[in-house]
Amino acid sequence: MDSPAQPERTPDGRYIVVKGRKWRATDPEIPDEVSARLRRHLMAARRAVAAALRENDAAAEKRARSRVHAAKVALGERGTPWWEESLTERRRRWEAGVTELDADQPE
């Protein structure tokens, strides 16, 4: 089975390009297992945003959007650019994100 095509990257590797628009790339130093776990949290949070919007539940939408943000920060896609942080700071960021997201599992 073919793996999905990887998005184009800028020459410095800091951004991916999707439909001509640049988006910050995930921190490449995050271990694969941790990165996959954070992406699962991100996708679950995005589904929760959609569900909250369908239900017109502003409180649930706010909680879900907060989880999306936490996952994106942990992945290095928001907040201080990962290339401006030391490896220690980067590790702290993704470890804190996993801890926060694991503890805040929706019921």
PDB file of N, CA and C in Angstrom:
ATOM      1  N   MET A   1       0.850  -1.177   0.000  1.00  0.00           N
ATOM      2  CA  MET A   1       0.000   0.000   0.000  1.00  0.00           C
ATOM      3  C   MET A   1       0.891   1.233   0.000  1.00  0.00           C
ATOM      4  N   ASP A   2       0.599   2.177  -0.843  1.00  0.00           N
ATOM      5  CA  ASP A   2       1.393   3.405  -0.919  1.00  0.00           C
ATOM      6  C   ASP A   2       1.110   4.283   0.287  1.00  0.00           C
ATOM      7  N   SER A   3       2.157   4.948   0.775  1.00  0.00           N
ATOM      8  CA  SER A   3       1.960   5.900   1.869  1.00  0.00           C
ATOM      9  C   SER A   3       1.486   7.214   1.262  1.00  0.00           C
ATOM     10  N   PRO A   4       0.743   7.995   2.041  1.00  0.00           N
ATOM     11  CA  PRO A   4       0.261   9.272   1.515  1.00  0.00           C
ATOM     12  C   PRO A   4       1.436  10.177   1.152  1.00  0.00           C
ATOM     13  N   ALA A   5       1.236  10.974   0.130  1.00  0.00           N
ATOM     14  CA  ALA A   5       2.286  11.898  -0.305  1.00  0.00           C
ATOM     15  C   ALA A   5       2.562  12.921   0.794  1.00  0.00           C
ATOM     16  N   GLN A   6       3.829  13.176   1.020  1.00  0.00           N
ATOM     17  CA  GLN A   6       4.222  14.171   2.007  1.00  0.00           C
ATOM     18  C   GLN A   6       4.097  15.552   1.373  1.00  0.00           C
ATOM     19  N   PRO A   7       3.667  16.553   2.144  1.00  0.00           N
ATOM     20  CA  PRO A   7       3.561  17.897   1.568  1.00  0.00           C
ATOM     21  C   PRO A   7       4.936  18.452   1.213  1.00  0.00           C
ATOM     22  N   GLU A   8       4.931  19.357   0.275  1.00  0.00           N
ATOM     23  CA  GLU A   8       6.173  20.049  -0.106  1.00  0.00           C
ATOM     24  C   GLU A   8       6.689  20.811   1.109  1.00  0.00           C
ATOM     25  N   ARG A   9       8.006  20.872   1.248  1.00  0.00           N
ATOM     26  CA  ARG A   9       8.636  21.632   2.335  1.00  0.00           C
ATOM     27  C   ARG A   9       9.475  22.756   1.748  1.00  0.00           C
ATOM     28  N   THR A  10       9.613  23.823   2.524  1.00  0.00           N
ATOM     29  CA  THR A  10      10.527  24.882   2.125  1.00  0.00           C
ATOM     30  C   THR A  10      11.945  24.340   2.256  1.00  0.00           C
ATOM     31  N   PRO A  11      12.913  24.921   1.559  1.00  0.00           N
ATOM     32  CA  PRO A  11      14.290  24.410   1.613  1.00  0.00           C
ATOM     33  C   PRO A  11      14.867  24.317   3.026  1.00  0.00           C
ATOM     34  N   ASP A  12      14.455  25.207   3.929  1.00  0.00           N
ATOM     35  CA  ASP A  12      14.980  25.161   5.304  1.00  0.00           C
ATOM     36  C   ASP A  12      14.254  24.129   6.172  1.00  0.00           C
ATOM     37  N   GLY A  13      13.173  23.521   5.666  1.00  0.00           N
ATOM     38  CA  GLY A  13      12.438  22.500   6.397  1.00  0.00           C
ATOM     39  C   GLY A  13      11.515  23.019   7.471  1.00  0.00           C
ATOM     40  N   ARG A  14      11.424  24.320   7.596  1.00  0.00           N
ATOM     41  CA  ARG A  14      10.624  24.897   8.673  1.00  0.00           C
ATOM     42  C   ARG A  14       9.134  24.981   8.349  1.00  0.00           C
ATOM     43  N   TYR A  15       8.792  24.933   7.097  1.00  0.00           N
ATOM     44  CA  TYR A  15       7.396  25.079   6.687  1.00  0.00           C
ATOM     45  C   TYR A  15       7.028  24.007   5.676  1.00  0.00           C
ATOM     46  N   ILE A  16       5.737  23.664   5.657  1.00  0.00           N
ATOM     47  CA  ILE A  16       5.193  22.847   4.578  1.00  0.00           C
ATOM     48  C   ILE A  16       4.377  23.786   3.704  1.00  0.00           C
ATOM     49  N   VAL A  17       4.187  23.414   2.460  1.00  0.00           N
ATOM     50  CA  VAL A  17       3.422  24.240   1.541  1.00  0.00           C
ATOM     51  C   VAL A  17       2.210  23.434   1.085  1.00  0.00           C
ATOM     52  N   VAL A  18       1.025  23.965   1.349  1.00  0.00           N
ATOM     53  CA  VAL A  18      -0.229  23.321   0.973  1.00  0.00           C
ATOM     54  C   VAL A  18      -1.037  24.326   0.166  1.00  0.00           C
ATOM     55  N   LYS A  19      -1.326  23.958  -1.085  1.00  0.00           N
ATOM     56  CA  LYS A  19      -2.089  24.840  -1.984  1.00  0.00           C
ATOM     57  C   LYS A  19      -1.489  26.239  -2.022  1.00  0.00           C
ATOM     58  N   GLY A  20      -0.167  26.296  -2.079  1.00  0.00           N
ATOM     59  CA  GLY A  20       0.539  27.564  -2.203  1.00  0.00           C
ATOM     60  C   GLY A  20       0.685  28.353  -0.914  1.00  0.00           C
ATOM     61  N   ARG A  21       0.166  27.830   0.179  1.00  0.00           N
ATOM     62  CA  ARG A  21       0.245  28.539   1.461  1.00  0.00           C
ATOM     63  C   ARG A  21       1.223  27.830   2.388  1.00  0.00           C
ATOM     64  N   LYS A  22       2.072  28.609   3.072  1.00  0.00           N
ATOM     65  CA  LYS A  22       3.048  28.055   4.006  1.00  0.00           C
ATOM     66  C   LYS A  22       2.412  27.883   5.391  1.00  0.00           C
ATOM     67  N   TRP A  23       2.702  26.721   5.981  1.00  0.00           N
ATOM     68  CA  TRP A  23       2.273  26.412   7.345  1.00  0.00           C
ATOM     69  C   TRP A  23       3.503  25.909   8.095  1.00  0.00           C
ATOM     70  N   ARG A  24       3.629  26.266   9.363  1.00  0.00           N
ATOM     71  CA  ARG A  24       4.786  25.816  10.129  1.00  0.00           C
ATOM     72  C   ARG A  24       4.785  24.291  10.227  1.00  0.00           C
ATOM     73  N   ALA A  25       5.919  23.697   9.974  1.00  0.00           N
ATOM     74  CA  ALA A  25       6.074  22.243  10.041  1.00  0.00           C
ATOM     75  C   ALA A  25       6.164  21.784  11.496  1.00  0.00           C
ATOM     76  N   THR A  26       5.782  20.541  11.713  1.00  0.00           N
ATOM     77  CA  THR A  26       5.948  19.911  13.019  1.00  0.00           C
ATOM     78  C   THR A  26       7.438  19.835  13.357  1.00  0.00           C
ATOM     79  N   ASP A  27       7.743  20.002  14.617  1.00  0.00           N
ATOM     80  CA  ASP A  27       9.121  19.900  15.098  1.00  0.00           C
ATOM     81  C   ASP A  27       9.680  18.523  14.732  1.00  0.00           C
ATOM     82  N   PRO A  28      10.730  18.471  13.916  1.00  0.00           N
ATOM     83  CA  PRO A  28      11.263  17.183  13.481  1.00  0.00           C
ATOM     84  C   PRO A  28      11.973  16.392  14.576  1.00  0.00           C
ATOM     85  N   GLU A  29      12.251  17.003  15.711  1.00  0.00           N
ATOM     86  CA  GLU A  29      12.928  16.304  16.807  1.00  0.00           C
ATOM     87  C   GLU A  29      11.965  15.509  17.687  1.00  0.00           C
ATOM     88  N   ILE A  30      10.654  15.718  17.511  1.00  0.00           N
ATOM     89  CA  ILE A  30       9.695  14.970  18.325  1.00  0.00           C
ATOM     90  C   ILE A  30       9.765  13.503  17.902  1.00  0.00           C
ATOM     91  N   PRO A  31       9.941  12.597  18.865  1.00  0.00           N
ATOM     92  CA  PRO A  31       9.975  11.176  18.515  1.00  0.00           C
ATOM     93  C   PRO A  31       8.674  10.764  17.798  1.00  0.00           C
ATOM     94  N   ASP A  32       8.791   9.840  16.852  1.00  0.00           N
ATOM     95  CA  ASP A  32       7.640   9.429  16.043  1.00  0.00           C
ATOM     96  C   ASP A  32       6.437   9.014  16.884  1.00  0.00           C
ATOM     97  N   GLU A  33       6.676   8.233  17.934  1.00  0.00           N
ATOM     98  CA  GLU A  33       5.578   7.766  18.779  1.00  0.00           C
ATOM     99  C   GLU A  33       4.863   8.941  19.452  1.00  0.00           C
ATOM    100  N   VAL A  34       5.622   9.897  19.934  1.00  0.00           N
ATOM    101  CA  VAL A  34       5.047  11.079  20.606  1.00  0.00           C
ATOM    102  C   VAL A  34       4.308  11.940  19.586  1.00  0.00           C
ATOM    103  N   SER A  35       4.898  12.135  18.429  1.00  0.00           N
ATOM    104  CA  SER A  35       4.270  12.922  17.374  1.00  0.00           C
ATOM    105  C   SER A  35       2.938  12.295  16.959  1.00  0.00           C
ATOM    106  N   ALA A  36       2.908  10.990  16.819  1.00  0.00           N
ATOM    107  CA  ALA A  36       1.670  10.297  16.447  1.00  0.00           C
ATOM    108  C   ALA A  36       0.611  10.468  17.535  1.00  0.00           C
ATOM    109  N   ARG A  37       1.030  10.383  18.776  1.00  0.00           N
ATOM    110  CA  ARG A  37       0.098  10.568  19.904  1.00  0.00           C
ATOM    111  C   ARG A  37      -0.474  11.979  19.907  1.00  0.00           C
ATOM    112  N   LEU A  38       0.384  12.970  19.674  1.00  0.00           N
ATOM    113  CA  LEU A  38      -0.090  14.358  19.627  1.00  0.00           C
ATOM    114  C   LEU A  38      -1.037  14.576  18.445  1.00  0.00           C
ATOM    115  N   ARG A  39      -0.746  13.957  17.302  1.00  0.00           N
ATOM    116  CA  ARG A  39      -1.647  14.084  16.147  1.00  0.00           C
ATOM    117  C   ARG A  39      -3.004  13.432  16.430  1.00  0.00           C
ATOM    118  N   ARG A  40      -3.010  12.313  17.155  1.00  0.00           N
ATOM    119  CA  ARG A  40      -4.297  11.699  17.530  1.00  0.00           C
ATOM    120  C   ARG A  40      -5.101  12.645  18.406  1.00  0.00           C
ATOM    121  N   HIS A  41      -4.421  13.284  19.376  1.00  0.00           N
ATOM    122  CA  HIS A  41      -5.109  14.274  20.220  1.00  0.00           C
ATOM    123  C   HIS A  41      -5.636  15.425  19.358  1.00  0.00           C
ATOM    124  N   LEU A  42      -4.816  15.888  18.426  1.00  0.00           N
ATOM    125  CA  LEU A  42      -5.217  16.999  17.553  1.00  0.00           C
ATOM    126  C   LEU A  42      -6.459  16.632  16.748  1.00  0.00           C
ATOM    127  N   MET A  43      -6.462  15.455  16.132  1.00  0.00           N
ATOM    128  CA  MET A  43      -7.597  15.067  15.295  1.00  0.00           C
ATOM    129  C   MET A  43      -8.857  14.872  16.144  1.00  0.00           C
ATOM    130  N   ALA A  44      -8.715  14.296  17.337  1.00  0.00           N
ATOM    131  CA  ALA A  44      -9.868  14.136  18.232  1.00  0.00           C
ATOM    132  C   ALA A  44     -10.424  15.501  18.631  1.00  0.00           C
ATOM    133  N   ALA A  45      -9.536  16.440  18.900  1.00  0.00           N
ATOM    134  CA  ALA A  45      -9.977  17.790  19.277  1.00  0.00           C
ATOM    135  C   ALA A  45     -10.681  18.477  18.108  1.00  0.00           C
ATOM    136  N   ARG A  46     -10.178  18.282  16.902  1.00  0.00           N
ATOM    137  CA  ARG A  46     -10.838  18.866  15.726  1.00  0.00           C
ATOM    138  C   ARG A  46     -12.225  18.264  15.523  1.00  0.00           C
ATOM    139  N   ARG A  47     -12.347  16.953  15.747  1.00  0.00           N
ATOM    140  CA  ARG A  47     -13.672  16.329  15.650  1.00  0.00           C
ATOM    141  C   ARG A  47     -14.597  16.890  16.725  1.00  0.00           C
ATOM    142  N   ALA A  48     -14.060  17.157  17.915  1.00  0.00           N
ATOM    143  CA  ALA A  48     -14.860  17.724  18.998  1.00  0.00           C
ATOM    144  C   ALA A  48     -15.314  19.143  18.661  1.00  0.00           C
ATOM    145  N   VAL A  49     -14.471  19.917  17.982  1.00  0.00           N
ATOM    146  CA  VAL A  49     -14.879  21.257  17.524  1.00  0.00           C
ATOM    147  C   VAL A  49     -16.068  21.124  16.587  1.00  0.00           C
ATOM    148  N   ALA A  50     -15.964  20.223  15.610  1.00  0.00           N
ATOM    149  CA  ALA A  50     -17.049  20.041  14.636  1.00  0.00           C
ATOM    150  C   ALA A  50     -18.340  19.614  15.332  1.00  0.00           C
ATOM    151  N   ALA A  51     -18.239  18.689  16.284  1.00  0.00           N
ATOM    152  CA  ALA A  51     -19.424  18.227  17.008  1.00  0.00           C
ATOM    153  C   ALA A  51     -20.051  19.367  17.809  1.00  0.00           C
ATOM    154  N   ALA A  52     -19.215  20.158  18.454  1.00  0.00           N
ATOM    155  CA  ALA A  52     -19.721  21.290  19.245  1.00  0.00           C
ATOM    156  C   ALA A  52     -20.414  22.306  18.349  1.00  0.00           C
ATOM    157  N   LEU A  53     -19.863  22.533  17.169  1.00  0.00           N
ATOM    158  CA  LEU A  53     -20.497  23.465  16.236  1.00  0.00           C
ATOM    159  C   LEU A  53     -21.856  22.932  15.769  1.00  0.00           C
ATOM    160  N   ARG A  54     -21.918  21.614  15.489  1.00  0.00           N
ATOM    161  CA  ARG A  54     -23.192  21.019  15.082  1.00  0.00           C
ATOM    162  C   ARG A  54     -24.233  21.132  16.181  1.00  0.00           C
ATOM    163  N   GLU A  55     -23.785  20.991  17.434  1.00  0.00           N
ATOM    164  CA  GLU A  55     -24.691  21.053  18.591  1.00  0.00           C
ATOM    165  C   GLU A  55     -24.926  22.480  19.085  1.00  0.00           C
ATOM    166  N   ASN A  56     -24.210  23.434  18.486  1.00  0.00           N
ATOM    167  CA  ASN A  56     -24.313  24.837  18.913  1.00  0.00           C
ATOM    168  C   ASN A  56     -23.976  24.966  20.408  1.00  0.00           C
ATOM    169  N   ASP A  57     -22.926  24.267  20.837  1.00  0.00           N
ATOM    170  CA  ASP A  57     -22.497  24.237  22.233  1.00  0.00           C
ATOM    171  C   ASP A  57     -21.215  25.068  22.361  1.00  0.00           C
ATOM    172  N   ALA A  58     -21.380  26.322  22.729  1.00  0.00           N
ATOM    173  CA  ALA A  58     -20.247  27.244  22.791  1.00  0.00           C
ATOM    174  C   ALA A  58     -19.198  26.815  23.812  1.00  0.00           C
ATOM    175  N   ALA A  59     -19.624  26.288  24.952  1.00  0.00           N
ATOM    176  CA  ALA A  59     -18.668  25.868  25.980  1.00  0.00           C
ATOM    177  C   ALA A  59     -17.829  24.685  25.489  1.00  0.00           C
ATOM    178  N   ALA A  60     -18.471  23.714  24.860  1.00  0.00           N
ATOM    179  CA  ALA A  60     -17.739  22.556  24.328  1.00  0.00           C
ATOM    180  C   ALA A  60     -16.808  22.982  23.197  1.00  0.00           C
ATOM    181  N   GLU A  61     -17.259  23.929  22.382  1.00  0.00           N
ATOM    182  CA  GLU A  61     -16.409  24.429  21.300  1.00  0.00           C
ATOM    183  C   GLU A  61     -15.153  25.091  21.865  1.00  0.00           C
ATOM    184  N   LYS A  62     -15.318  25.886  22.903  1.00  0.00           N
ATOM    185  CA  LYS A  62     -14.177  26.564  23.516  1.00  0.00           C
ATOM    186  C   LYS A  62     -13.180  25.558  24.078  1.00  0.00           C
ATOM    187  N   ARG A  63     -13.679  24.520  24.765  1.00  0.00           N
ATOM    188  CA  ARG A  63     -12.800  23.479  25.318  1.00  0.00           C
ATOM    189  C   ARG A  63     -12.065  22.750  24.194  1.00  0.00           C
ATOM    190  N   ALA A  64     -12.793  22.413  23.137  1.00  0.00           N
ATOM    191  CA  ALA A  64     -12.187  21.676  22.024  1.00  0.00           C
ATOM    192  C   ALA A  64     -11.143  22.526  21.313  1.00  0.00           C
ATOM    193  N   ARG A  65     -11.430  23.789  21.085  1.00  0.00           N
ATOM    194  CA  ARG A  65     -10.451  24.668  20.437  1.00  0.00           C
ATOM    195  C   ARG A  65      -9.203  24.851  21.298  1.00  0.00           C
ATOM    196  N   SER A  66      -9.387  24.848  22.603  1.00  0.00           N
ATOM    197  CA  SER A  66      -8.245  24.928  23.517  1.00  0.00           C
ATOM    198  C   SER A  66      -7.365  23.682  23.367  1.00  0.00           C
ATOM    199  N   ARG A  67      -7.979  22.514  23.206  1.00  0.00           N
ATOM    200  CA  ARG A  67      -7.230  21.274  23.008  1.00  0.00           C
ATOM    201  C   ARG A  67      -6.506  21.285  21.659  1.00  0.00           C
ATOM    202  N   VAL A  68      -7.162  21.815  20.618  1.00  0.00           N
ATOM    203  CA  VAL A  68      -6.495  21.943  19.313  1.00  0.00           C
ATOM    204  C   VAL A  68      -5.242  22.792  19.484  1.00  0.00           C
ATOM    205  N   HIS A  69      -5.385  23.921  20.145  1.00  0.00           N
ATOM    206  CA  HIS A  69      -4.254  24.827  20.346  1.00  0.00           C
ATOM    207  C   HIS A  69      -3.134  24.140  21.132  1.00  0.00           C
ATOM    208  N   ALA A  70      -3.497  23.436  22.197  1.00  0.00           N
ATOM    209  CA  ALA A  70      -2.483  22.747  23.015  1.00  0.00           C
ATOM    210  C   ALA A  70      -1.714  21.723  22.174  1.00  0.00           C
ATOM    211  N   ALA A  71      -2.418  20.993  21.330  1.00  0.00           N
ATOM    212  CA  ALA A  71      -1.753  19.998  20.481  1.00  0.00           C
ATOM    213  C   ALA A  71      -0.848  20.669  19.463  1.00  0.00           C
ATOM    214  N   LYS A  72      -1.313  21.755  18.856  1.00  0.00           N
ATOM    215  CA  LYS A  72      -0.507  22.460  17.850  1.00  0.00           C
ATOM    216  C   LYS A  72       0.750  23.055  18.493  1.00  0.00           C
ATOM    217  N   VAL A  73       0.630  23.595  19.698  1.00  0.00           N
ATOM    218  CA  VAL A  73       1.803  24.127  20.398  1.00  0.00           C
ATOM    219  C   VAL A  73       2.774  22.995  20.704  1.00  0.00           C
ATOM    220  N   ALA A  74       2.260  21.881  21.220  1.00  0.00           N
ATOM    221  CA  ALA A  74       3.131  20.747  21.557  1.00  0.00           C
ATOM    222  C   ALA A  74       3.863  20.218  20.321  1.00  0.00           C
ATOM    223  N   LEU A  75       3.195  20.238  19.166  1.00  0.00           N
ATOM    224  CA  LEU A  75       3.816  19.791  17.920  1.00  0.00           C
ATOM    225  C   LEU A  75       4.813  20.806  17.361  1.00  0.00           C
ATOM    226  N   GLY A  76       4.819  22.009  17.935  1.00  0.00           N
ATOM    227  CA  GLY A  76       5.732  23.046  17.465  1.00  0.00           C
ATOM    228  C   GLY A  76       5.169  23.871  16.326  1.00  0.00           C
ATOM    229  N   GLU A  77       3.881  23.700  16.043  1.00  0.00           N
ATOM    230  CA  GLU A  77       3.256  24.397  14.921  1.00  0.00           C
ATOM    231  C   GLU A  77       2.687  25.758  15.310  1.00  0.00           C
ATOM    232  N   ARG A  78       2.649  26.030  16.607  1.00  0.00           N
ATOM    233  CA  ARG A  78       2.232  27.338  17.128  1.00  0.00           C
ATOM    234  C   ARG A  78       3.164  27.687  18.274  1.00  0.00           C
ATOM    235  N   GLY A  79       3.099  28.945  18.695  1.00  0.00           N
ATOM    236  CA  GLY A  79       3.955  29.377  19.798  1.00  0.00           C
ATOM    237  C   GLY A  79       5.332  29.758  19.274  1.00  0.00           C
ATOM    238  N   THR A  80       6.306  29.702  20.159  1.00  0.00           N
ATOM    239  CA  THR A  80       7.674  30.034  19.778  1.00  0.00           C
ATOM    240  C   THR A  80       8.137  29.057  18.701  1.00  0.00           C
ATOM    241  N   PRO A  81       8.668  29.545  17.585  1.00  0.00           N
ATOM    242  CA  PRO A  81       9.141  28.622  16.539  1.00  0.00           C
ATOM    243  C   PRO A  81      10.159  27.632  17.112  1.00  0.00           C
ATOM    244  N   TRP A  82       9.995  26.360  16.747  1.00  0.00           N
ATOM    245  CA  TRP A  82      10.872  25.321  17.307  1.00  0.00           C
ATOM    246  C   TRP A  82      12.335  25.554  16.981  1.00  0.00           C
ATOM    247  N   TRP A  83      12.630  26.185  15.858  1.00  0.00           N
ATOM    248  CA  TRP A  83      14.029  26.407  15.489  1.00  0.00           C
ATOM    249  C   TRP A  83      14.679  27.525  16.312  1.00  0.00           C
ATOM    250  N   GLU A  84      13.887  28.231  17.120  1.00  0.00           N
ATOM    251  CA  GLU A  84      14.422  29.265  18.009  1.00  0.00           C
ATOM    252  C   GLU A  84      14.600  28.753  19.438  1.00  0.00           C
ATOM    253  N   GLU A  85      14.261  27.489  19.683  1.00  0.00           N
ATOM    254  CA  GLU A  85      14.361  26.912  21.018  1.00  0.00           C
ATOM    255  C   GLU A  85      15.508  25.898  21.067  1.00  0.00           C
ATOM    256  N   SER A  86      16.040  25.711  22.249  1.00  0.00           N
ATOM    257  CA  SER A  86      17.043  24.656  22.441  1.00  0.00           C
ATOM    258  C   SER A  86      16.327  23.300  22.424  1.00  0.00           C
ATOM    259  N   LEU A  87      17.077  22.253  22.233  1.00  0.00           N
ATOM    260  CA  LEU A  87      16.486  20.916  22.244  1.00  0.00           C
ATOM    261  C   LEU A  87      15.817  20.632  23.591  1.00  0.00           C
ATOM    262  N   THR A  88      16.399  21.119  24.670  1.00  0.00           N
ATOM    263  CA  THR A  88      15.805  20.942  26.004  1.00  0.00           C
ATOM    264  C   THR A  88      14.451  21.636  26.083  1.00  0.00           C
ATOM    265  N   GLU A  89      14.363  22.867  25.587  1.00  0.00           N
ATOM    266  CA  GLU A  89      13.095  23.598  25.594  1.00  0.00           C
ATOM    267  C   GLU A  89      12.057  22.902  24.717  1.00  0.00           C
ATOM    268  N   ARG A  90      12.504  22.403  23.574  1.00  0.00           N
ATOM    269  CA  ARG A  90      11.589  21.711  22.667  1.00  0.00           C
ATOM    270  C   ARG A  90      11.042  20.446  23.323  1.00  0.00           C
ATOM    271  N   ARG A  91      11.922  19.679  23.956  1.00  0.00           N
ATOM    272  CA  ARG A  91      11.496  18.446  24.633  1.00  0.00           C
ATOM    273  C   ARG A  91      10.498  18.783  25.748  1.00  0.00           C
ATOM    274  N   ARG A  92      10.793  19.819  26.521  1.00  0.00           N
ATOM    275  CA  ARG A  92       9.873  20.253  27.580  1.00  0.00           C
ATOM    276  C   ARG A  92       8.505  20.583  27.000  1.00  0.00           C
ATOM    277  N   ARG A  93       8.501  21.279  25.846  1.00  0.00           N
ATOM    278  CA  ARG A  93       7.247  21.693  25.210  1.00  0.00           C
ATOM    279  C   ARG A  93       6.401  20.481  24.841  1.00  0.00           C
ATOM    280  N   TRP A  94       6.996  19.505  24.131  1.00  0.00           N
ATOM    281  CA  TRP A  94       6.156  18.385  23.698  1.00  0.00           C
ATOM    282  C   TRP A  94       5.797  17.454  24.849  1.00  0.00           C
ATOM    283  N   GLU A  95       6.676  17.309  25.838  1.00  0.00           N
ATOM    284  CA  GLU A  95       6.337  16.469  26.990  1.00  0.00           C
ATOM    285  C   GLU A  95       5.201  17.089  27.800  1.00  0.00           C
ATOM    286  N   ALA A  96       5.248  18.407  27.997  1.00  0.00           N
ATOM    287  CA  ALA A  96       4.171  19.096  28.713  1.00  0.00           C
ATOM    288  C   ALA A  96       2.856  18.985  27.946  1.00  0.00           C
ATOM    289  N   GLY A  97       2.925  19.087  26.633  1.00  0.00           N
ATOM    290  CA  GLY A  97       1.713  18.975  25.816  1.00  0.00           C
ATOM    291  C   GLY A  97       1.077  17.608  25.919  1.00  0.00           C
ATOM    292  N   VAL A  98       1.881  16.553  25.838  1.00  0.00           N
ATOM    293  CA  VAL A  98       1.345  15.196  25.966  1.00  0.00           C
ATOM    294  C   VAL A  98       0.720  15.008  27.338  1.00  0.00           C
ATOM    295  N   THR A  99       1.415  15.459  28.370  1.00  0.00           N
ATOM    296  CA  THR A  99       0.897  15.323  29.739  1.00  0.00           C
ATOM    297  C   THR A  99      -0.439  16.038  29.878  1.00  0.00           C
ATOM    298  N   GLU A 100      -0.503  17.274  29.387  1.00  0.00           N
ATOM    299  CA  GLU A 100      -1.742  18.059  29.477  1.00  0.00           C
ATOM    300  C   GLU A 100      -2.873  17.389  28.704  1.00  0.00           C
ATOM    301  N   LEU A 101      -2.608  16.974  27.488  1.00  0.00           N
ATOM    302  CA  LEU A 101      -3.653  16.400  26.645  1.00  0.00           C
ATOM    303  C   LEU A 101      -4.102  15.035  27.153  1.00  0.00           C
ATOM    304  N   ASP A 102      -3.179  14.228  27.658  1.00  0.00           N
ATOM    305  CA  ASP A 102      -3.555  12.926  28.231  1.00  0.00           C
ATOM    306  C   ASP A 102      -4.446  13.107  29.449  1.00  0.00           C
ATOM    307  N   ALA A 103      -4.138  14.113  30.274  1.00  0.00           N
ATOM    308  CA  ALA A 103      -4.893  14.360  31.500  1.00  0.00           C
ATOM    309  C   ALA A 103      -6.270  14.954  31.208  1.00  0.00           C
ATOM    310  N   ASP A 104      -6.414  15.588  30.069  1.00  0.00           N
ATOM    311  CA  ASP A 104      -7.640  16.311  29.732  1.00  0.00           C
ATOM    312  C   ASP A 104      -8.463  15.554  28.686  1.00  0.00           C
ATOM    313  N   GLN A 105      -8.469  14.231  28.782  1.00  0.00           N
ATOM    314  CA  GLN A 105      -9.241  13.442  27.828  1.00  0.00           C
ATOM    315  C   GLN A 105     -10.718  13.765  27.981  1.00  0.00           C
ATOM    316  N   PRO A 106     -11.415  14.028  26.856  1.00  0.00           N
ATOM    317  CA  PRO A 106     -12.851  14.273  26.952  1.00  0.00           C
ATOM    318  C   PRO A 106     -13.579  12.999  27.377  1.00  0.00           C
ATOM    319  N   GLU A 107     -14.659  13.192  28.072  1.00  0.00           N
ATOM    320  CA  GLU A 107     -15.418  12.031  28.560  1.00  0.00           C
ATOM    321  C   GLU A 107     -16.407  11.548  27.540  1.00  0.00           C
TER     322      GLU A 107
END
